[in-house]
Amino acid sequence: MAEDLTGTNWDVIVVGGGNAALCATIEAAETGARVLLLEGAPKPYRGGNSRHTRNFRCMHRGPMSVLTGKYEEDEYLNDLMLVTKGKTDEHLARLAIRTSESCLPWMQKHGVVFQPSLSGTLSLSRTNAFFLGGGKALVNAYYNTAAELGATIVYEAKVTQIIISQDTFEAVRVVIGETETEIRGKSVVLASGGFQADLEWLARAWGPAARNFLIRGTPYNRGEVLRYMIDAGAETVGDPTQCHAVAIDGRAPKYDGGIVTRLDCVPFSVVVNNGGERFYNEGEDVWPKRYAIWGRLVAAQPDQVAFALIDSKSTDLFMPSVFPAVSANTIGELADELGLPRSAVERTVTEFNSACRPGTFHPTELDGVATEGLSPPKTNWARPLDAPPYYGYALRPGVTFTYLGLKVDDTSRVTGVNGLYRNVWAAGEIMAGSILGEGYLAGFGMTIGTVFGRTAGKEAAAYVN
């Protein structure tokens, strides 16, 4: 295989195998370019973090496909600014938002099938289009499309070097099987993700606590390509300690647990640390706008662990974890089952229950049902835990992807120390730090990957032609 690949001076080499890489491959191949996609994972694990996705956040001016109502540019941007606390390149953010509207029909044209929002995700029916069959179905559809267009796809292709002379990409060095070889190309699209699976790099950025993090995405995103580009002088954006990190079930595997390990019960819970104390407002905002802060909140707690406690009133209000909850007939017994200090948990729950005030409960929207005189407060969905049996989940930080990445322009071209590279583009998580300074908005990673992946593929092919 390696010998055959070296015999071609490829028009576009795409490094990576997830959503952004596939969008770039398809766009480039549709121009007639000779495209080589190098996926580091084995075929059954192809697709990077995109395998675990569920939906795509999309601007629209009226009902479109499975999307209800309208979701226009300024509202979308405001949602993004709220979760990033303004830490975003507004120009690139608006570009991604505006372009997302034309992406949905493009996705359908290339094999992606959407479905209406399911129970537990109804608050997203206006903003996010869900994939029928999830991210794995999207990835499979795109790989089929890329193959039909004539792109060459190689699995277990570990890129070891990006060869750049001054401002021009020349070749990649890659290990395929047992053979390391050099493959030349006229342009390159880098779409190989962040560095979250390299725990030592995470620990250098975060400190030793990072070794307790769980990596909910692919174990193959170790940041090698990002590191090569930084060493070569590429300009970076983003903070190495910022990432898309969510609270996941503490029983999840170290790597690749995926979206099914995410715990969505927090808004309806009392969340305590391993000392039995609350530490943050569980009802701050609707879950799609706040779920991504909980990974960092839990990471800041002792031993990087927390516990969500609910009662039987709330069990049907969220998408359940893949693991069953721990259950008990009293709060004290639940504390025992979870290994928490019984008296502290009982006191915390008693104080919380006493602080809850009457109101009209609405699980899918801000309802103002809040506590009074409690610190930290719970400002929505604050109902007493008083209906046995009681349930508990251990929470751990689950990192999806890191935000340190490559700086790009409007056309997704990468910036080096002396200005833009002539023929190097980047898309997806490897450049998402331009737009995601911190926080996360449900479905927005797929938006970034689709918009900039398509752009990078078109621009790389246009450069060659």
Foldseek 3Di string as FASTA:
>chain_A
DQVVQQVDAFLEEEEAFALLSLLLLLLQLVVVGAYEYEHQAPPVQGHWQLQQAWKAFAADCADDQQAHGGHHQVNVVVLLCVQLVNLFDVVLVSLLHVVRHVLVVVLVVQQWDWDADDAQCNLCRHTITTTDVGSNRSSVSSVVSSVVSPYHYAYSWAWQAFDADPQATFWTWTAHPNDTDIGGYRFYEYEQAFQLLQQVLQCVQPNPLSVLAAAQIANRRRCNHQVNQVVVFFDKFAGQNFFQKFWFFSVADRYNNHDLRGDPCQLQWQKAALQLAGDDASAPFFCLSPRRCHLVVLSPGVSSKMKTKAAPVCPSRHRHHPDDWDKDFDQLVSCVVVVHDRVSNVVNLVVLQVQFDDFDADSSGFTQRWGPPDVPIHRGNRHRRDHDTMTMGMIHIHGHGGQIAFDADSLQFGAGPVGTRLRYGYFANRHCNNGRNHGDGRNVSSSRSNSNSNSSSNVSSVSSD
